[in-house]
């Protein structure tokens, strides 16, 4: 299979060059070796990724020995095949023979075989097969990310590794991840060229589910536009990135109680963003796409 692999390396990072591994064989044998950081940052296309790969491990083999596991975003294609075959054969044969023999007694015999013509034609057949598929877009938005540090840790900082990620508001963040522990989870922005990594020490970075982000929603609603309503109630919003239609609003971080809207417009905001929106919220807490607008 073919894959486009892009890696984001912080300014001043010493990672690289890199070997690429597949989860198909448990990351044992690299399918690509000695790929430079420059090439990966620009976007490296490999056509030798083992079929069935769902996770690609990008591992530095230089002075820095970090690695990151990247989930493969599968893209399907549309295939159309058509075949037509026509064959016609015609054969004609004619034979005539005449023989005459003479003996003491005169006798004449003549034999003539009649002409015969045969023609055979095969019928023409045509078949067309069309398969329609849907392209799956890559991951973008805010996702829960787990940093799992591996021994021996960061040089000069025993027992810990240092991870870096981009917060949902676009700011770069660094975290200390202890080796002894279940890992450290954060809400990070995932996009083309934006991936969480370990900058000191080695570890595994796993992208999990979309984040549930804390926000505010108005306690009252409006029949047309809610941008002027006060953002007074704490809430938690599912989805990726800023507020979007189809996100679900909850009244608790555990996502057990949906916000019960009346189908009218509410003023909604995620705290980590400067923007806010006016949108309809139904009785299940789902933000509707009809009339959904960015507030000035």
C-alpha atoms as a PDB file:
ATOM      1  CA  UNK A   1       0.000   0.000   0.000  1.00  0.00           C
ATOM      2  CA  UNK A   2       1.003   3.641  -0.495  1.00  0.00           C
ATOM      3  CA  UNK A   3       1.147   6.175   2.369  1.00  0.00           C
ATOM      4  CA  UNK A   4       2.082   9.854   2.737  1.00  0.00           C
ATOM      5  CA  UNK A   5       3.952  10.365   6.027  1.00  0.00           C
ATOM      6  CA  UNK A   6       4.540  13.867   7.389  1.00  0.00           C
ATOM      7  CA  UNK A   7       6.378  14.633  10.638  1.00  0.00           C
ATOM      8  CA  UNK A   8       6.513  17.888  12.610  1.00  0.00           C
ATOM      9  CA  UNK A   9       9.830  18.462  14.400  1.00  0.00           C
ATOM     10  CA  UNK A  10      10.257  21.415  16.812  1.00  0.00           C
ATOM     11  CA  UNK A  11      12.780  24.096  15.984  1.00  0.00           C
ATOM     12  CA  UNK A  12      16.196  23.006  17.260  1.00  0.00           C
ATOM     13  CA  UNK A  13      15.166  19.332  17.525  1.00  0.00           C
ATOM     14  CA  UNK A  14      17.919  16.747  16.994  1.00  0.00           C
ATOM     15  CA  UNK A  15      15.752  13.864  15.825  1.00  0.00           C
ATOM     16  CA  UNK A  16      16.618  11.846  12.713  1.00  0.00           C
ATOM     17  CA  UNK A  17      17.373  10.200  10.472  1.00  0.00           C
ATOM     18  CA  UNK A  18      14.425   7.811  10.791  1.00  0.00           C
ATOM     19  CA  UNK A  19      13.389   4.212  10.160  1.00  0.00           C
ATOM     20  CA  UNK A  20       9.734   3.407   9.450  1.00  0.00           C
ATOM     21  CA  UNK A  21       8.006   0.349  10.907  1.00  0.00           C
ATOM     22  CA  UNK A  22       4.569  -1.291  10.593  1.00  0.00           C
ATOM     23  CA  UNK A  23       2.369  -2.797  13.283  1.00  0.00           C
ATOM     24  CA  UNK A  24       1.831  -5.784  10.940  1.00  0.00           C
ATOM     25  CA  UNK A  25       5.038  -7.447  12.226  1.00  0.00           C
ATOM     26  CA  UNK A  26       5.060  -5.797  15.643  1.00  0.00           C
ATOM     27  CA  UNK A  27       7.495  -3.055  14.512  1.00  0.00           C
ATOM     28  CA  UNK A  28      10.295  -5.607  14.044  1.00  0.00           C
ATOM     29  CA  UNK A  29      11.634  -4.972  10.522  1.00  0.00           C
ATOM     30  CA  UNK A  30      11.654  -1.455   9.004  1.00  0.00           C
ATOM     31  CA  UNK A  31      10.037  -1.090   5.574  1.00  0.00           C
ATOM     32  CA  UNK A  32      11.977   2.143   4.958  1.00  0.00           C
ATOM     33  CA  UNK A  33      15.308   3.183   6.436  1.00  0.00           C
ATOM     34  CA  UNK A  34      17.494   6.260   6.933  1.00  0.00           C
ATOM     35  CA  UNK A  35      14.808   8.805   5.940  1.00  0.00           C
ATOM     36  CA  UNK A  36      16.002  12.309   6.699  1.00  0.00           C
ATOM     37  CA  UNK A  37      14.106  14.746   8.898  1.00  0.00           C
ATOM     38  CA  UNK A  38      13.917  17.201   5.987  1.00  0.00           C
ATOM     39  CA  UNK A  39      12.190  14.647   3.763  1.00  0.00           C
ATOM     40  CA  UNK A  40       9.670  13.664   6.456  1.00  0.00           C
ATOM     41  CA  UNK A  41       8.864  17.282   7.264  1.00  0.00           C
ATOM     42  CA  UNK A  42       8.167  17.951   3.587  1.00  0.00           C
ATOM     43  CA  UNK A  43       6.015  14.793   3.314  1.00  0.00           C
ATOM     44  CA  UNK A  44       7.482  11.372   2.490  1.00  0.00           C
ATOM     45  CA  UNK A  45       5.524   9.029   0.207  1.00  0.00           C
ATOM     46  CA  UNK A  46       6.234   5.294   0.576  1.00  0.00           C
ATOM     47  CA  UNK A  47       4.804   2.664  -1.784  1.00  0.00           C
ATOM     48  CA  UNK A  48       6.169  -0.288   0.195  1.00  0.00           C
ATOM     49  CA  UNK A  49       4.037   0.038   3.337  1.00  0.00           C
ATOM     50  CA  UNK A  50       2.890  -3.526   4.185  1.00  0.00           C
ATOM     51  CA  UNK A  51      -0.732  -4.164   3.249  1.00  0.00           C
ATOM     52  CA  UNK A  52      -3.059  -4.015   6.236  1.00  0.00           C
ATOM     53  CA  UNK A  53      -0.921  -1.547   8.193  1.00  0.00           C
ATOM     54  CA  UNK A  54      -2.960   0.581  10.608  1.00  0.00           C
ATOM     55  CA  UNK A  55      -0.116   2.172  12.604  1.00  0.00           C
ATOM     56  CA  UNK A  56       3.255   3.411  11.294  1.00  0.00           C
ATOM     57  CA  UNK A  57       6.081   3.870  13.794  1.00  0.00           C
ATOM     58  CA  UNK A  58       8.531   6.666  12.918  1.00  0.00           C
ATOM     59  CA  UNK A  59      11.709   6.042  14.927  1.00  0.00           C
ATOM     60  CA  UNK A  60      14.778   8.243  15.124  1.00  0.00           C
ATOM     61  CA  UNK A  61      18.035   6.301  14.763  1.00  0.00           C
ATOM     62  CA  UNK A  62      20.479   9.126  15.319  1.00  0.00           C
ATOM     63  CA  UNK A  63      21.609  10.793  18.534  1.00  0.00           C
ATOM     64  CA  UNK A  64      17.954  11.000  19.591  1.00  0.00           C
ATOM     65  CA  UNK A  65      16.093   7.660  19.772  1.00  0.00           C
ATOM     66  CA  UNK A  66      12.504   8.868  20.116  1.00  0.00           C
ATOM     67  CA  UNK A  67       9.671   7.395  18.104  1.00  0.00           C
ATOM     68  CA  UNK A  68       6.041   8.201  17.450  1.00  0.00           C
ATOM     69  CA  UNK A  69       3.181   5.924  16.366  1.00  0.00           C
ATOM     70  CA  UNK A  70       1.006   7.458  13.660  1.00  0.00           C
ATOM     71  CA  UNK A  71      -2.440   6.077  12.855  1.00  0.00           C
ATOM     72  CA  UNK A  72      -2.924   5.381   9.135  1.00  0.00           C
ATOM     73  CA  UNK A  73      -5.892   7.205   7.613  1.00  0.00           C
ATOM     74  CA  UNK A  74      -7.164   4.918   4.912  1.00  0.00           C
ATOM     75  CA  UNK A  75      -8.285   6.459   1.622  1.00  0.00           C
ATOM     76  CA  UNK A  76     -10.376   4.381  -0.758  1.00  0.00           C
ATOM     77  CA  UNK A  77     -10.631   4.926  -4.509  1.00  0.00           C
ATOM     78  CA  UNK A  78     -13.145   4.408  -7.324  1.00  0.00           C
ATOM     79  CA  UNK A  79     -12.375   1.674  -9.845  1.00  0.00           C
ATOM     80  CA  UNK A  80     -14.116   1.158 -13.167  1.00  0.00           C
ATOM     81  CA  UNK A  81     -13.338  -1.749 -15.432  1.00  0.00           C
ATOM     82  CA  UNK A  82     -14.766  -2.514 -18.875  1.00  0.00           C
ATOM     83  CA  UNK A  83     -14.135  -5.379 -21.222  1.00  0.00           C
ATOM     84  CA  UNK A  84     -15.449  -5.983 -24.776  1.00  0.00           C
ATOM     85  CA  UNK A  85     -14.663  -8.933 -26.998  1.00  0.00           C
ATOM     86  CA  UNK A  86     -15.728  -9.590 -30.606  1.00  0.00           C
ATOM     87  CA  UNK A  87     -14.615 -12.422 -32.829  1.00  0.00           C
ATOM     88  CA  UNK A  88     -15.860 -13.488 -36.267  1.00  0.00           C
ATOM     89  CA  UNK A  89     -14.520 -16.379 -38.332  1.00  0.00           C
ATOM     90  CA  UNK A  90     -15.539 -17.416 -41.811  1.00  0.00           C
ATOM     91  CA  UNK A  91     -14.259 -20.429 -43.694  1.00  0.00           C
ATOM     92  CA  UNK A  92     -15.063 -21.469 -47.256  1.00  0.00           C
ATOM     93  CA  UNK A  93     -13.919 -24.645 -48.928  1.00  0.00           C
ATOM     94  CA  UNK A  94     -14.582 -25.909 -52.469  1.00  0.00           C
ATOM     95  CA  UNK A  95     -13.173 -29.115 -53.953  1.00  0.00           C
ATOM     96  CA  UNK A  96     -13.760 -30.691 -57.338  1.00  0.00           C
ATOM     97  CA  UNK A  97     -12.140 -33.835 -58.655  1.00  0.00           C
ATOM     98  CA  UNK A  98     -12.575 -35.570 -62.001  1.00  0.00           C
ATOM     99  CA  UNK A  99     -10.952 -38.836 -62.998  1.00  0.00           C
ATOM    100  CA  UNK A 100     -11.009 -40.691 -66.307  1.00  0.00           C
ATOM    101  CA  UNK A 101      -9.708 -44.181 -66.922  1.00  0.00           C
ATOM    102  CA  UNK A 102      -9.553 -46.105 -70.192  1.00  0.00           C
ATOM    103  CA  UNK A 103      -8.980 -49.842 -70.657  1.00  0.00           C
ATOM    104  CA  UNK A 104      -9.413 -52.315 -73.455  1.00  0.00           C
ATOM    105  CA  UNK A 105     -13.024 -51.867 -73.048  1.00  0.00           C
ATOM    106  CA  UNK A 106     -13.826 -48.281 -72.977  1.00  0.00           C
ATOM    107  CA  UNK A 107     -15.339 -46.954 -69.811  1.00  0.00           C
ATOM    108  CA  UNK A 108     -15.583 -43.508 -68.473  1.00  0.00           C
ATOM    109  CA  UNK A 109     -16.382 -42.512 -64.921  1.00  0.00           C
ATOM    110  CA  UNK A 110     -16.675 -39.016 -63.612  1.00  0.00           C
ATOM    111  CA  UNK A 111     -17.116 -37.929 -60.006  1.00  0.00           C
ATOM    112  CA  UNK A 112     -17.575 -34.371 -58.839  1.00  0.00           C
ATOM    113  CA  UNK A 113     -17.782 -33.277 -55.264  1.00  0.00           C
ATOM    114  CA  UNK A 114     -20.021 -30.322 -54.643  1.00  0.00           C
ATOM    115  CA  UNK A 115     -18.798 -27.078 -53.265  1.00  0.00           C
ATOM    116  CA  UNK A 116     -19.455 -26.394 -49.594  1.00  0.00           C
ATOM    117  CA  UNK A 117     -19.249 -23.155 -47.730  1.00  0.00           C
ATOM    118  CA  UNK A 118     -19.561 -22.736 -43.954  1.00  0.00           C
ATOM    119  CA  UNK A 119     -19.576 -19.518 -41.929  1.00  0.00           C
ATOM    120  CA  UNK A 120     -19.531 -19.207 -38.152  1.00  0.00           C
ATOM    121  CA  UNK A 121     -19.765 -15.985 -36.159  1.00  0.00           C
ATOM    122  CA  UNK A 122     -19.433 -15.592 -32.399  1.00  0.00           C
ATOM    123  CA  UNK A 123     -21.653 -13.037 -30.719  1.00  0.00           C
ATOM    124  CA  UNK A 124     -20.261  -9.821 -29.205  1.00  0.00           C
ATOM    125  CA  UNK A 125     -20.437  -9.440 -25.417  1.00  0.00           C
ATOM    126  CA  UNK A 126     -19.699  -6.384 -23.291  1.00  0.00           C
ATOM    127  CA  UNK A 127     -19.669  -6.025 -19.494  1.00  0.00           C
ATOM    128  CA  UNK A 128     -18.987  -3.006 -17.292  1.00  0.00           C
ATOM    129  CA  UNK A 129     -18.461  -3.034 -13.505  1.00  0.00           C
ATOM    130  CA  UNK A 130     -18.433   0.187 -11.472  1.00  0.00           C
ATOM    131  CA  UNK A 131     -17.579   0.417  -7.771  1.00  0.00           C
ATOM    132  CA  UNK A 132     -18.337   3.636  -5.887  1.00  0.00           C
ATOM    133  CA  UNK A 133     -16.495   4.271  -2.628  1.00  0.00           C
ATOM    134  CA  UNK A 134     -16.112   7.136  -0.172  1.00  0.00           C
ATOM    135  CA  UNK A 135     -12.849   8.902   0.658  1.00  0.00           C
ATOM    136  CA  UNK A 136     -12.034   8.949   4.389  1.00  0.00           C
ATOM    137  CA  UNK A 137     -10.450  12.280   5.413  1.00  0.00           C
ATOM    138  CA  UNK A 138      -7.420  12.362   7.717  1.00  0.00           C
ATOM    139  CA  UNK A 139      -7.730  13.200  11.406  1.00  0.00           C
ATOM    140  CA  UNK A 140      -8.024  16.906  12.147  1.00  0.00           C
ATOM    141  CA  UNK A 141      -9.145  18.695  15.286  1.00  0.00           C
ATOM    142  CA  UNK A 142      -8.726  18.208  19.042  1.00  0.00           C
ATOM    143  CA  UNK A 143      -8.133  14.673  20.299  1.00  0.00           C
ATOM    144  CA  UNK A 144      -7.226  13.101  23.614  1.00  0.00           C
ATOM    145  CA  UNK A 145      -3.557  12.050  23.319  1.00  0.00           C
ATOM    146  CA  UNK A 146      -1.733   9.668  25.667  1.00  0.00           C
ATOM    147  CA  UNK A 147       2.022  10.131  26.274  1.00  0.00           C
ATOM    148  CA  UNK A 148       3.602   6.886  27.592  1.00  0.00           C
ATOM    149  CA  UNK A 149       7.285   7.377  28.548  1.00  0.00           C
ATOM    150  CA  UNK A 150       9.838   4.560  28.232  1.00  0.00           C
ATOM    151  CA  UNK A 151      12.984   3.839  30.236  1.00  0.00           C
ATOM    152  CA  UNK A 152      15.654   5.162  30.745  1.00  0.00           C
ATOM    153  CA  UNK A 153      14.053   8.568  30.327  1.00  0.00           C
ATOM    154  CA  UNK A 154      15.483  11.920  29.371  1.00  0.00           C
ATOM    155  CA  UNK A 155      19.218  12.519  29.734  1.00  0.00           C
ATOM    156  CA  UNK A 156      19.784  14.675  32.807  1.00  0.00           C
ATOM    157  CA  UNK A 157      16.191  14.202  33.900  1.00  0.00           C
ATOM    158  CA  UNK A 158      16.038  10.624  35.239  1.00  0.00           C
ATOM    159  CA  UNK A 159      12.689   8.932  35.552  1.00  0.00           C
ATOM    160  CA  UNK A 160      10.976  11.315  33.160  1.00  0.00           C
ATOM    161  CA  UNK A 161      10.609  12.134  29.464  1.00  0.00           C
ATOM    162  CA  UNK A 162       9.492  15.400  27.887  1.00  0.00           C
ATOM    163  CA  UNK A 163       6.602  15.551  25.425  1.00  0.00           C
ATOM    164  CA  UNK A 164       5.460  18.349  23.179  1.00  0.00           C
ATOM    165  CA  UNK A 165       2.022  19.005  21.684  1.00  0.00           C
ATOM    166  CA  UNK A 166      -0.066  21.833  20.257  1.00  0.00           C
ATOM    167  CA  UNK A 167      -3.008  22.876  22.406  1.00  0.00           C
ATOM    168  CA  UNK A 168      -6.402  23.409  20.805  1.00  0.00           C
ATOM    169  CA  UNK A 169      -5.866  27.191  20.934  1.00  0.00           C
ATOM    170  CA  UNK A 170      -2.733  26.786  18.762  1.00  0.00           C
ATOM    171  CA  UNK A 171      -0.077  27.286  21.474  1.00  0.00           C
ATOM    172  CA  UNK A 172       2.869  24.884  21.884  1.00  0.00           C
ATOM    173  CA  UNK A 173       2.976  23.025  25.198  1.00  0.00           C
ATOM    174  CA  UNK A 174       5.619  20.866  26.912  1.00  0.00           C
ATOM    175  CA  UNK A 175       4.849  18.250  29.571  1.00  0.00           C
ATOM    176  CA  UNK A 176       6.929  16.076  31.896  1.00  0.00           C
ATOM    177  CA  UNK A 177       5.899  12.412  31.627  1.00  0.00           C
ATOM    178  CA  UNK A 178       7.060  10.032  34.394  1.00  0.00           C
ATOM    179  CA  UNK A 179       8.302   6.601  33.320  1.00  0.00           C
ATOM    180  CA  UNK A 180       6.504   4.886  36.199  1.00  0.00           C
ATOM    181  CA  UNK A 181       2.841   5.436  35.573  1.00  0.00           C
ATOM    182  CA  UNK A 182      -0.115   4.824  33.247  1.00  0.00           C
ATOM    183  CA  UNK A 183       0.874   7.699  30.944  1.00  0.00           C
ATOM    184  CA  UNK A 184      -0.186  11.321  30.717  1.00  0.00           C
ATOM    185  CA  UNK A 185      -3.240  12.410  28.713  1.00  0.00           C
ATOM    186  CA  UNK A 186      -3.809  15.833  27.195  1.00  0.00           C
ATOM    187  CA  UNK A 187      -6.190  17.428  24.712  1.00  0.00           C
ATOM    188  CA  UNK A 188      -4.071  18.189  21.639  1.00  0.00           C
ATOM    189  CA  UNK A 189      -4.588  19.654  18.193  1.00  0.00           C
ATOM    190  CA  UNK A 190      -4.053  17.124  15.379  1.00  0.00           C
ATOM    191  CA  UNK A 191      -3.643  18.338  11.817  1.00  0.00           C
ATOM    192  CA  UNK A 192      -1.420  17.923   8.758  1.00  0.00           C
ATOM    193  CA  UNK A 193       2.130  18.512  10.022  1.00  0.00           C
ATOM    194  CA  UNK A 194       0.960  18.926  13.640  1.00  0.00           C
ATOM    195  CA  UNK A 195       1.597  15.823  15.737  1.00  0.00           C
ATOM    196  CA  UNK A 196       2.436  15.313  19.445  1.00  0.00           C
ATOM    197  CA  UNK A 197       5.975  13.953  19.990  1.00  0.00           C
ATOM    198  CA  UNK A 198       8.581  13.235  22.645  1.00  0.00           C
ATOM    199  CA  UNK A 199      11.346  15.857  22.490  1.00  0.00           C
ATOM    200  CA  UNK A 200      13.550  14.275  25.171  1.00  0.00           C
ATOM    201  CA  UNK A 201      13.644  10.571  25.965  1.00  0.00           C
ATOM    202  CA  UNK A 202      11.595   7.946  24.155  1.00  0.00           C
ATOM    203  CA  UNK A 203       7.993   6.901  24.418  1.00  0.00           C
ATOM    204  CA  UNK A 204       4.763   5.993  22.669  1.00  0.00           C
ATOM    205  CA  UNK A 205       2.240   8.645  21.650  1.00  0.00           C
ATOM    206  CA  UNK A 206      -1.301   7.344  21.050  1.00  0.00           C
ATOM    207  CA  UNK A 207      -4.144   9.388  19.556  1.00  0.00           C
ATOM    208  CA  UNK A 208      -7.428   8.406  21.224  1.00  0.00           C
ATOM    209  CA  UNK A 209     -10.944   9.861  20.976  1.00  0.00           C
ATOM    210  CA  UNK A 210     -12.092  13.450  20.342  1.00  0.00           C
ATOM    211  CA  UNK A 211     -11.704  15.692  23.392  1.00  0.00           C
ATOM    212  CA  UNK A 212     -14.471  16.787  25.686  1.00  0.00           C
ATOM    213  CA  UNK A 213     -13.734  20.471  26.192  1.00  0.00           C
ATOM    214  CA  UNK A 214     -15.040  22.793  28.888  1.00  0.00           C
ATOM    215  CA  UNK A 215     -17.197  25.655  27.713  1.00  0.00           C
ATOM    216  CA  UNK A 216     -20.020  28.024  28.552  1.00  0.00           C
ATOM    217  CA  UNK A 217     -23.603  28.201  27.290  1.00  0.00           C
ATOM    218  CA  UNK A 218     -26.366  30.741  27.852  1.00  0.00           C
ATOM    219  CA  UNK A 219     -29.048  29.829  30.374  1.00  0.00           C
ATOM    220  CA  UNK A 220     -31.764  31.252  28.114  1.00  0.00           C
ATOM    221  CA  UNK A 221     -32.495  30.910  24.407  1.00  0.00           C
ATOM    222  CA  UNK A 222     -33.675  33.142  21.581  1.00  0.00           C
ATOM    223  CA  UNK A 223     -35.903  32.518  18.578  1.00  0.00           C
ATOM    224  CA  UNK A 224     -33.369  33.798  16.020  1.00  0.00           C
ATOM    225  CA  UNK A 225     -29.954  34.920  17.321  1.00  0.00           C
ATOM    226  CA  UNK A 226     -28.375  34.220  20.727  1.00  0.00           C
ATOM    227  CA  UNK A 227     -25.082  36.121  20.391  1.00  0.00           C
ATOM    228  CA  UNK A 228     -26.241  38.825  22.780  1.00  0.00           C
ATOM    229  CA  UNK A 229     -27.127  36.336  25.548  1.00  0.00           C
ATOM    230  CA  UNK A 230     -24.757  35.956  28.525  1.00  0.00           C
ATOM    231  CA  UNK A 231     -22.553  32.862  28.757  1.00  0.00           C
ATOM    232  CA  UNK A 232     -23.420  31.829  32.308  1.00  0.00           C
ATOM    233  CA  UNK A 233     -23.668  28.023  32.519  1.00  0.00           C
ATOM    234  CA  UNK A 234     -20.598  25.705  32.612  1.00  0.00           C
ATOM    235  CA  UNK A 235     -20.812  22.934  30.036  1.00  0.00           C
ATOM    236  CA  UNK A 236     -18.661  20.317  28.301  1.00  0.00           C
ATOM    237  CA  UNK A 237     -18.684  19.907  24.534  1.00  0.00           C
ATOM    238  CA  UNK A 238     -17.670  16.897  22.457  1.00  0.00           C
ATOM    239  CA  UNK A 239     -16.160  17.088  18.989  1.00  0.00           C
ATOM    240  CA  UNK A 240     -12.890  18.196  17.434  1.00  0.00           C
ATOM    241  CA  UNK A 241     -11.558  21.740  17.512  1.00  0.00           C
ATOM    242  CA  UNK A 242     -13.839  24.700  18.106  1.00  0.00           C
ATOM    243  CA  UNK A 243     -17.631  24.439  18.464  1.00  0.00           C
ATOM    244  CA  UNK A 244     -19.204  22.725  15.461  1.00  0.00           C
ATOM    245  CA  UNK A 245     -22.672  21.699  14.362  1.00  0.00           C
ATOM    246  CA  UNK A 246     -23.380  18.077  15.460  1.00  0.00           C
ATOM    247  CA  UNK A 247     -21.262  18.507  18.636  1.00  0.00           C
ATOM    248  CA  UNK A 248     -23.017  17.437  21.840  1.00  0.00           C
ATOM    249  CA  UNK A 249     -23.307  19.717  24.890  1.00  0.00           C
ATOM    250  CA  UNK A 250     -23.211  18.106  28.360  1.00  0.00           C
ATOM    251  CA  UNK A 251     -23.723  19.573  31.814  1.00  0.00           C
ATOM    252  CA  UNK A 252     -20.948  17.382  33.313  1.00  0.00           C
ATOM    253  CA  UNK A 253     -17.406  16.408  32.280  1.00  0.00           C
ATOM    254  CA  UNK A 254     -18.255  12.691  32.570  1.00  0.00           C
ATOM    255  CA  UNK A 255     -20.752  13.141  29.705  1.00  0.00           C
ATOM    256  CA  UNK A 256     -23.615  11.493  31.566  1.00  0.00           C
ATOM    257  CA  UNK A 257     -26.150  14.327  31.346  1.00  0.00           C
ATOM    258  CA  UNK A 258     -26.840  16.061  27.997  1.00  0.00           C
ATOM    259  CA  UNK A 259     -27.838  19.704  28.060  1.00  0.00           C
ATOM    260  CA  UNK A 260     -31.604  19.773  27.396  1.00  0.00           C
ATOM    261  CA  UNK A 261     -32.210  22.464  24.804  1.00  0.00           C
ATOM    262  CA  UNK A 262     -35.618  23.661  23.619  1.00  0.00           C
ATOM    263  CA  UNK A 263     -34.746  23.680  19.911  1.00  0.00           C
ATOM    264  CA  UNK A 264     -34.098  27.437  19.893  1.00  0.00           C
ATOM    265  CA  UNK A 265     -30.839  29.401  19.669  1.00  0.00           C
ATOM    266  CA  UNK A 266     -28.226  29.391  22.471  1.00  0.00           C
ATOM    267  CA  UNK A 267     -24.954  31.295  22.852  1.00  0.00           C
ATOM    268  CA  UNK A 268     -22.115  28.681  23.022  1.00  0.00           C
ATOM    269  CA  UNK A 269     -18.353  28.908  23.557  1.00  0.00           C
ATOM    270  CA  UNK A 270     -15.346  26.651  24.306  1.00  0.00           C
ATOM    271  CA  UNK A 271     -13.071  28.299  26.874  1.00  0.00           C
ATOM    272  CA  UNK A 272      -9.823  27.576  25.034  1.00  0.00           C
ATOM    273  CA  UNK A 273     -11.047  29.535  21.975  1.00  0.00           C
ATOM    274  CA  UNK A 274     -11.752  33.242  21.612  1.00  0.00           C
ATOM    275  CA  UNK A 275     -14.735  32.620  19.304  1.00  0.00           C
ATOM    276  CA  UNK A 276     -18.361  31.964  20.265  1.00  0.00           C
ATOM    277  CA  UNK A 277     -21.414  30.813  18.293  1.00  0.00           C
ATOM    278  CA  UNK A 278     -25.178  31.038  18.098  1.00  0.00           C
ATOM    279  CA  UNK A 279     -26.783  27.680  17.425  1.00  0.00           C
ATOM    280  CA  UNK A 280     -29.925  25.638  17.973  1.00  0.00           C
ATOM    281  CA  UNK A 281     -29.624  22.929  20.641  1.00  0.00           C
ATOM    282  CA  UNK A 282     -32.187  20.121  20.764  1.00  0.00           C
ATOM    283  CA  UNK A 283     -33.410  18.103  23.767  1.00  0.00           C
ATOM    284  CA  UNK A 284     -30.486  15.651  23.369  1.00  0.00           C
ATOM    285  CA  UNK A 285     -27.887  18.412  23.609  1.00  0.00           C
ATOM    286  CA  UNK A 286     -26.976  18.215  19.899  1.00  0.00           C
ATOM    287  CA  UNK A 287     -26.052  21.472  18.153  1.00  0.00           C
ATOM    288  CA  UNK A 288     -28.058  21.745  14.928  1.00  0.00           C
ATOM    289  CA  UNK A 289     -26.610  22.901  11.585  1.00  0.00           C
ATOM    290  CA  UNK A 290     -29.624  25.056  10.661  1.00  0.00           C
ATOM    291  CA  UNK A 291     -28.922  28.698  11.468  1.00  0.00           C
ATOM    292  CA  UNK A 292     -25.566  27.912  13.119  1.00  0.00           C
ATOM    293  CA  UNK A 293     -23.442  31.127  12.970  1.00  0.00           C
ATOM    294  CA  UNK A 294     -20.240  32.681  14.308  1.00  0.00           C
ATOM    295  CA  UNK A 295     -20.891  35.542  16.706  1.00  0.00           C
ATOM    296  CA  UNK A 296     -19.209  38.909  15.950  1.00  0.00           C
END
